[in-house]
Amino acid sequence: MTTLPAATESVGSEASCCTHEADALVDDDTARELARVFKALGDPTRVKLLALITASAEGELCVCNLTEPVGLSQPTVSHHMKLLVEAGLVSREQRGRWAYYRPTTGALTQATRSLTG
């Protein structure tokens, strides 16, 4: 087993090991919105569903075309899609009996900007 040498630099008494960047903090509302977006993407099935919709040549997909690729029932896929809609990652349009989903760019772009400045 290899051990690394210990750091031996001395630090002045005025130096701090921790810096607090108050400007880098997000407010509570922004943090809640970010959490909702990232929570929606925290499930592999929802990531797959979003990827399928985004890759669609038509720019949208019917829920009926989303069940087979992920191997889940239509009600389960609809539940996952509801969470993606609530997070602002996709939009939903009802056409007769079926719901069609389109990717949106705003939520993911905004989440990234909120974290990276």
Protein backbone atom coordinates (compact mmCIF):
# COMPACT_ATOMS: atom_id res chain seq x y z
CA MET A 1 0.00 0.00 0.00
CA THR A 2 1.36 3.40 -0.96
CA THR A 3 1.01 6.28 1.43
CA LEU A 4 1.08 9.89 0.42
CA PRO A 5 3.28 12.35 2.28
CA ALA A 6 1.47 14.63 4.70
CA ALA A 7 1.15 18.29 3.80
CA THR A 8 3.56 20.31 5.87
CA GLU A 9 2.87 23.85 4.68
CA SER A 10 2.13 26.22 7.51
CA VAL A 11 -0.85 28.46 7.18
CA GLY A 12 -0.96 31.95 8.65
CA SER A 13 -3.44 32.61 11.42
CA GLU A 14 -5.48 34.95 9.18
CA ALA A 15 -5.96 32.31 6.47
CA SER A 16 -9.06 30.20 6.53
CA CYS A 17 -9.44 26.65 5.35
CA CYS A 18 -12.98 27.41 4.27
CA THR A 19 -14.19 30.26 2.18
CA HIS A 20 -17.81 31.24 2.15
CA GLU A 21 -19.05 32.45 -1.18
CA ALA A 22 -22.38 34.03 -0.29
CA ASP A 23 -22.87 35.08 -3.90
CA ALA A 24 -22.73 31.44 -4.99
CA LEU A 25 -25.71 30.46 -2.84
CA VAL A 26 -29.06 29.98 -4.49
CA ASP A 27 -32.17 31.25 -2.78
CA ASP A 28 -34.77 28.86 -1.38
CA ASP A 29 -37.15 29.11 -4.34
CA THR A 30 -34.37 28.46 -6.84
CA ALA A 31 -33.11 25.54 -4.77
CA ARG A 32 -36.60 23.99 -4.74
CA GLU A 33 -36.92 24.39 -8.52
CA LEU A 34 -33.46 22.91 -9.10
CA ALA A 35 -34.31 19.99 -6.84
CA ARG A 36 -37.50 19.31 -8.79
CA VAL A 37 -35.62 19.25 -12.12
CA PHE A 38 -32.81 17.06 -10.82
CA LYS A 39 -35.21 14.78 -8.94
CA ALA A 40 -37.11 14.24 -12.19
CA LEU A 41 -33.83 13.27 -13.83
CA GLY A 42 -32.82 11.12 -10.86
CA ASP A 43 -34.74 8.13 -12.20
CA PRO A 44 -33.18 6.15 -15.08
CA THR A 45 -36.59 5.52 -16.65
CA ARG A 46 -37.33 9.23 -16.84
CA VAL A 47 -33.90 9.91 -18.33
CA LYS A 48 -34.63 7.27 -21.00
CA LEU A 49 -38.06 8.75 -21.70
CA LEU A 50 -36.63 12.24 -22.08
CA ALA A 51 -33.89 10.90 -24.36
CA LEU A 52 -36.46 9.09 -26.53
CA ILE A 53 -38.56 12.21 -26.93
CA THR A 54 -35.57 14.43 -27.63
CA ALA A 55 -34.23 12.00 -30.26
CA SER A 56 -37.58 11.71 -32.05
CA ALA A 57 -37.43 12.78 -35.70
CA GLU A 58 -40.88 14.36 -35.31
CA GLY A 59 -39.81 16.36 -32.26
CA GLU A 60 -42.53 14.73 -30.20
CA LEU A 61 -43.78 11.29 -29.18
CA CYS A 62 -47.12 9.83 -28.22
CA VAL A 63 -47.27 8.07 -24.88
CA CYS A 64 -48.27 4.96 -26.83
CA ASN A 65 -44.77 4.95 -28.39
CA LEU A 66 -43.01 5.26 -25.05
CA THR A 67 -44.21 2.12 -23.27
CA GLU A 68 -42.41 -0.56 -25.27
CA PRO A 69 -38.89 0.97 -25.25
CA VAL A 70 -38.88 1.21 -21.45
CA GLY A 71 -40.84 -1.99 -20.85
CA LEU A 72 -43.46 -0.39 -18.62
CA SER A 73 -47.24 -0.13 -18.73
CA GLN A 74 -48.95 2.98 -20.09
CA PRO A 75 -50.15 4.15 -16.65
CA THR A 76 -46.62 3.86 -15.25
CA VAL A 77 -45.13 5.72 -18.20
CA SER A 78 -47.82 8.39 -17.81
CA HIS A 79 -46.82 8.82 -14.16
CA HIS A 80 -43.18 9.29 -15.12
CA MET A 81 -44.19 11.73 -17.84
CA LYS A 82 -46.28 13.73 -15.37
CA LEU A 83 -43.16 14.26 -13.26
CA LEU A 84 -41.17 15.37 -16.30
CA VAL A 85 -43.96 17.82 -17.22
CA GLU A 86 -44.08 19.20 -13.66
CA ALA A 87 -40.31 19.70 -13.75
CA GLY A 88 -40.68 21.66 -17.00
CA LEU A 89 -38.56 19.21 -18.99
CA VAL A 90 -41.32 18.29 -21.45
CA SER A 91 -44.63 19.75 -22.53
CA ARG A 92 -47.82 17.73 -22.97
CA GLU A 93 -50.58 18.06 -25.55
CA GLN A 94 -53.72 15.97 -25.41
CA ARG A 95 -54.96 14.80 -28.82
CA GLY A 96 -58.09 12.77 -28.48
CA ARG A 97 -57.27 9.71 -26.42
CA TRP A 98 -53.48 10.09 -26.49
CA ALA A 99 -51.02 12.49 -24.93
CA TYR A 100 -48.09 13.76 -26.99
CA TYR A 101 -44.89 15.02 -25.41
CA ARG A 102 -42.27 17.49 -26.67
CA PRO A 103 -38.96 18.33 -25.04
CA THR A 104 -38.52 21.82 -23.65
CA THR A 105 -35.19 23.53 -23.31
CA GLY A 106 -35.93 26.06 -20.59
CA ALA A 107 -35.84 24.05 -17.38
CA LEU A 108 -32.60 22.20 -17.98
CA THR A 109 -30.84 25.27 -19.36
CA GLN A 110 -32.02 27.38 -16.42
CA ALA A 111 -30.95 24.73 -13.91
CA THR A 112 -27.47 24.68 -15.42
CA ARG A 113 -27.22 28.48 -15.41
CA SER A 114 -28.37 28.66 -11.80
CA LEU A 115 -25.54 26.40 -10.73
CA THR A 116 -22.78 27.70 -12.97
CA GLY A 117 -23.57 31.39 -12.93
